[in-house]
């Protein structure tokens, strides 16, 4: 089955839908933040490709040259796969495979050494399906002590790796600390939810906006667009629901 995809460009960025779920006729803070972030990333080779569909559900893939990807990972001549997402009625139709194939074809066409992505020993929400990636030939090439993994599909035998900073998984701050960027449209609303909960419970909160490539590459933990610390210890790359926040604060 053939699918029609749209790849974002400076010409269509303002008019195309950018979220896996959020749909609203009004301006949405998270979506507009993502749009501004993408406007700066597209000239760097960042790719956002999505199914050309009007339904509420969607499917998309997002990747970039590893050298300019906002993650604390190093490697020569790789693409970094941020996200591959297929929702609702589009699941099980081969759309995810078609999107992955388009990424791998781009990498080969550009003469890349391979493609890499963040995973974990146990599948985490907000991370792409690593079991699916492993079926494509991705293998674990690096890992942290707390179970996060770097998966890579290498065509020349080279291997990307987490930076040494990323493996620290500790900071000096004891307060609840969130590192985040503007890539995911959900981040703005999750930040507001956490701020409200912390204000209600008088919980100290430190927000660290990752607003440059340099900051992203120097992060003291794994990162895909969000990272949470509490009492100096890394907790998760998952966006925090109220229940998750309560468990962490215990």
Protein backbone atom coordinates (compact mmCIF):
# COMPACT_ATOMS: atom_id res chain seq x y z
CA UNK A 1 0.00 0.00 0.00
CA UNK A 2 1.29 3.44 -0.90
CA UNK A 3 0.91 6.36 1.50
CA UNK A 4 1.11 10.08 0.86
CA UNK A 5 3.46 11.93 3.19
CA UNK A 6 4.22 15.61 3.72
CA UNK A 7 7.73 16.75 4.66
CA UNK A 8 7.84 20.13 6.38
CA UNK A 9 9.65 22.98 4.65
CA UNK A 10 9.95 26.72 5.38
CA UNK A 11 7.13 27.21 2.85
CA UNK A 12 4.54 24.91 4.48
CA UNK A 13 5.61 25.06 8.14
CA UNK A 14 3.08 27.75 9.04
CA UNK A 15 0.10 25.83 7.66
CA UNK A 16 0.77 22.18 8.51
CA UNK A 17 -0.43 20.32 11.62
CA UNK A 18 2.48 19.50 13.98
CA UNK A 19 1.14 17.36 16.82
CA UNK A 20 0.32 13.68 17.27
CA UNK A 21 -2.93 14.51 19.12
CA UNK A 22 -3.45 18.24 19.72
CA UNK A 23 -5.91 19.71 17.23
CA UNK A 24 -7.41 23.14 17.75
CA UNK A 25 -8.34 26.09 15.55
CA UNK A 26 -6.97 28.44 18.20
CA UNK A 27 -3.24 29.05 18.61
CA UNK A 28 -1.82 26.47 21.02
CA UNK A 29 1.26 27.54 23.06
CA UNK A 30 3.02 24.20 22.71
CA UNK A 31 2.34 23.87 18.99
CA UNK A 32 3.48 27.41 18.28
CA UNK A 33 6.63 26.90 20.37
CA UNK A 34 7.35 23.78 18.31
CA UNK A 35 6.74 25.71 15.10
CA UNK A 36 9.28 28.37 16.13
CA UNK A 37 11.77 25.68 17.16
CA UNK A 38 11.37 23.88 13.84
CA UNK A 39 11.83 27.08 11.86
CA UNK A 40 15.37 27.25 13.22
CA UNK A 41 16.06 23.53 12.85
CA UNK A 42 14.92 22.92 9.25
CA UNK A 43 17.95 24.72 7.73
CA UNK A 44 20.16 22.35 9.78
CA UNK A 45 18.74 19.30 8.01
CA UNK A 46 16.04 18.48 10.57
CA UNK A 47 13.23 16.41 9.05
CA UNK A 48 9.59 16.27 10.15
CA UNK A 49 7.58 14.00 7.84
CA UNK A 50 3.94 13.11 8.43
CA UNK A 51 1.07 11.26 6.89
CA UNK A 52 -1.03 13.57 4.71
CA UNK A 53 -4.34 13.04 6.51
CA UNK A 54 -7.09 15.17 8.05
CA UNK A 55 -8.15 12.71 10.76
CA UNK A 56 -7.55 13.39 14.45
CA UNK A 57 -5.08 10.52 14.55
CA UNK A 58 -1.76 10.98 12.81
CA UNK A 59 1.57 9.39 12.01
CA UNK A 60 4.93 11.09 11.73
CA UNK A 61 8.69 10.69 11.99
CA UNK A 62 11.23 13.24 13.13
CA UNK A 63 15.01 13.04 12.78
CA UNK A 64 18.11 15.17 12.28
CA UNK A 65 21.86 14.95 11.70
CA UNK A 66 23.35 13.77 14.99
CA UNK A 67 25.80 16.68 14.98
CA UNK A 68 22.90 19.15 15.27
CA UNK A 69 20.46 16.93 17.21
CA UNK A 70 19.57 18.31 20.64
CA UNK A 71 20.69 15.23 22.56
CA UNK A 72 23.85 14.42 24.60
CA UNK A 73 25.02 11.84 22.07
CA UNK A 74 28.11 11.96 19.89
CA UNK A 75 29.00 10.13 16.71
CA UNK A 76 30.28 10.74 13.22
CA UNK A 77 27.91 11.06 10.26
CA UNK A 78 24.75 9.61 11.85
CA UNK A 79 21.10 10.60 11.81
CA UNK A 80 19.34 10.78 15.17
CA UNK A 81 15.74 9.54 15.25
CA UNK A 82 13.80 11.64 17.79
CA UNK A 83 10.37 10.18 17.29
CA UNK A 84 8.37 7.72 15.20
CA UNK A 85 4.72 7.82 16.16
CA UNK A 86 1.58 6.21 14.75
CA UNK A 87 -1.76 6.69 16.51
CA UNK A 88 -5.31 5.36 16.50
CA UNK A 89 -6.77 3.89 13.33
CA UNK A 90 -3.48 4.28 11.45
CA UNK A 91 -1.82 1.53 13.49
CA UNK A 92 -1.22 -1.84 11.87
CA UNK A 93 -1.35 -0.59 8.28
CA UNK A 94 2.36 -0.41 7.52
CA UNK A 95 2.58 3.36 7.91
CA UNK A 96 5.25 3.17 10.60
CA UNK A 97 7.33 0.92 8.38
CA UNK A 98 6.95 3.30 5.46
CA UNK A 99 8.07 6.23 7.62
CA UNK A 100 11.05 4.29 8.95
CA UNK A 101 11.97 3.25 5.41
CA UNK A 102 11.92 6.90 4.35
CA UNK A 103 14.36 7.79 7.16
CA UNK A 104 16.73 4.94 6.32
CA UNK A 105 16.58 5.85 2.64
CA UNK A 106 17.43 9.46 3.48
CA UNK A 107 20.40 8.30 5.56
CA UNK A 108 21.74 6.12 2.76
CA UNK A 109 21.18 8.82 0.15
CA UNK A 110 23.18 11.26 2.31
CA UNK A 111 25.98 8.74 2.77
CA UNK A 112 25.39 8.46 6.52
CA UNK A 113 27.09 5.81 8.64
CA UNK A 114 23.77 4.89 10.22
CA UNK A 115 20.80 5.97 12.32
CA UNK A 116 20.52 6.01 16.12
CA UNK A 117 17.80 6.59 18.72
CA UNK A 118 17.17 6.62 22.46
CA UNK A 119 15.68 3.51 24.05
CA UNK A 120 15.64 1.73 27.36
CA UNK A 121 15.93 -1.78 28.76
CA UNK A 122 12.21 -1.51 29.57
CA UNK A 123 10.08 0.36 27.04
CA UNK A 124 9.24 3.86 28.25
CA UNK A 125 6.24 5.97 27.26
CA UNK A 126 7.18 8.99 25.13
CA UNK A 127 9.95 6.94 23.49
CA UNK A 128 9.59 5.31 20.08
CA UNK A 129 8.92 1.57 19.97
CA UNK A 130 12.36 0.02 20.36
CA UNK A 131 11.13 -3.52 19.63
CA UNK A 132 10.07 -2.25 16.21
CA UNK A 133 13.45 -0.57 15.75
CA UNK A 134 15.31 -3.77 16.63
CA UNK A 135 13.37 -5.60 13.91
CA UNK A 136 14.90 -3.10 11.47
CA UNK A 137 18.39 -4.06 12.64
CA UNK A 138 18.97 -1.51 15.41
CA UNK A 139 21.21 -2.82 18.20
CA UNK A 140 22.23 -1.55 21.63
CA UNK A 141 25.58 0.23 21.29
CA UNK A 142 25.74 2.12 24.60
CA UNK A 143 23.83 2.21 27.88
CA UNK A 144 23.57 3.93 31.23
CA UNK A 145 23.64 2.34 34.66
CA UNK A 146 19.92 2.92 35.12
CA UNK A 147 18.76 1.10 32.02
CA UNK A 148 18.60 3.66 29.22
CA UNK A 149 20.06 2.47 25.95
CA UNK A 150 21.39 3.96 22.74
CA UNK A 151 20.20 1.96 19.75
CA UNK A 152 21.93 2.20 16.40
CA UNK A 153 21.69 0.76 12.94
CA UNK A 154 25.23 1.00 11.61
CA UNK A 155 26.31 0.38 8.04
CA UNK A 156 30.04 0.93 8.49
CA UNK A 157 30.71 -0.59 11.92
CA UNK A 158 31.08 2.72 13.76
CA UNK A 159 29.08 3.34 16.92
CA UNK A 160 27.68 6.56 18.38
CA UNK A 161 27.74 6.93 22.15
CA UNK A 162 26.30 8.86 25.07
CA UNK A 163 28.50 11.70 26.25
CA UNK A 164 30.21 11.16 29.59
CA UNK A 165 28.02 13.93 31.00
CA UNK A 166 24.89 12.04 29.97
CA UNK A 167 25.96 9.04 32.03
CA UNK A 168 26.30 11.05 35.25
CA UNK A 169 22.55 11.05 35.95
CA UNK A 170 23.09 13.33 38.93
CA UNK A 171 23.06 17.07 39.63
CA UNK A 172 23.79 19.17 42.71
CA UNK A 173 20.29 20.61 42.99
CA UNK A 174 18.12 18.70 45.47
CA UNK A 175 14.90 20.40 44.35
CA UNK A 176 12.59 18.94 41.72
CA UNK A 177 14.38 19.99 38.53
CA UNK A 178 13.09 19.77 34.95
CA UNK A 179 15.21 20.15 31.84
CA UNK A 180 13.10 20.73 28.72
CA UNK A 181 13.17 22.18 25.23
CA UNK A 182 10.40 23.28 22.85
CA UNK A 183 10.40 20.32 20.48
CA UNK A 184 7.35 18.47 21.80
CA UNK A 185 4.01 20.38 21.61
CA UNK A 186 2.92 18.81 24.92
CA UNK A 187 5.78 20.24 26.96
CA UNK A 188 4.24 23.68 27.57
CA UNK A 189 1.08 22.26 29.12
CA UNK A 190 2.96 19.70 31.20
CA UNK A 191 5.23 22.42 32.55
CA UNK A 192 2.17 24.42 33.59
CA UNK A 193 0.63 21.38 35.29
CA UNK A 194 3.79 20.68 37.26
CA UNK A 195 4.15 24.35 38.23
CA UNK A 196 0.56 24.45 39.48
CA UNK A 197 0.96 21.23 41.48
CA UNK A 198 4.21 22.43 43.04
CA UNK A 199 2.73 25.81 43.93
CA UNK A 200 -0.29 24.12 45.54
CA UNK A 201 1.92 21.86 47.63
CA UNK A 202 4.69 24.42 48.25
CA UNK A 203 7.23 22.18 46.52
CA UNK A 204 10.40 23.94 45.31
CA UNK A 205 10.76 23.64 41.53
CA UNK A 206 13.65 24.54 39.23
CA UNK A 207 12.99 24.80 35.49
CA UNK A 208 15.92 24.54 33.08
CA UNK A 209 14.99 25.61 29.56
CA UNK A 210 17.32 23.93 27.08
CA UNK A 211 17.41 26.60 24.40
CA UNK A 212 20.62 25.86 22.50
CA UNK A 213 22.46 22.95 20.95
CA UNK A 214 25.37 23.54 23.33
CA UNK A 215 23.14 23.16 26.38
CA UNK A 216 21.59 19.99 24.97
CA UNK A 217 24.94 18.34 24.23
CA UNK A 218 26.16 19.17 27.75
CA UNK A 219 23.17 17.74 29.65
CA UNK A 220 23.96 15.52 32.67
CA UNK A 221 21.49 12.82 31.62
CA UNK A 222 19.79 11.13 28.68
CA UNK A 223 17.37 13.48 26.95
CA UNK A 224 14.94 13.43 24.05
CA UNK A 225 13.22 16.75 24.91
CA UNK A 226 12.59 16.38 28.68
CA UNK A 227 14.40 15.13 31.79
CA UNK A 228 13.41 15.10 35.46
CA UNK A 229 15.65 15.10 38.56
CA UNK A 230 14.71 14.95 42.24
CA UNK A 231 17.07 15.07 45.22
CA UNK A 232 19.94 15.24 42.76
CA UNK A 233 19.02 11.96 41.08
CA UNK A 234 17.74 11.49 37.52
CA UNK A 235 14.19 10.15 37.47
CA UNK A 236 12.75 9.95 33.95
CA UNK A 237 12.52 11.26 30.39
CA UNK A 238 8.72 10.86 30.58
CA UNK A 239 6.50 13.92 30.75
CA UNK A 240 5.10 14.02 34.28
CA UNK A 241 1.50 13.17 35.02
CA UNK A 242 0.16 14.07 38.51
CA UNK A 243 0.45 10.42 39.60
CA UNK A 244 4.04 10.18 38.37
CA UNK A 245 4.91 13.39 40.18
CA UNK A 246 3.44 12.06 43.42
CA UNK A 247 5.45 8.84 43.13
CA UNK A 248 8.69 10.76 42.53
CA UNK A 249 8.10 13.12 45.43
CA UNK A 250 7.53 10.20 47.81
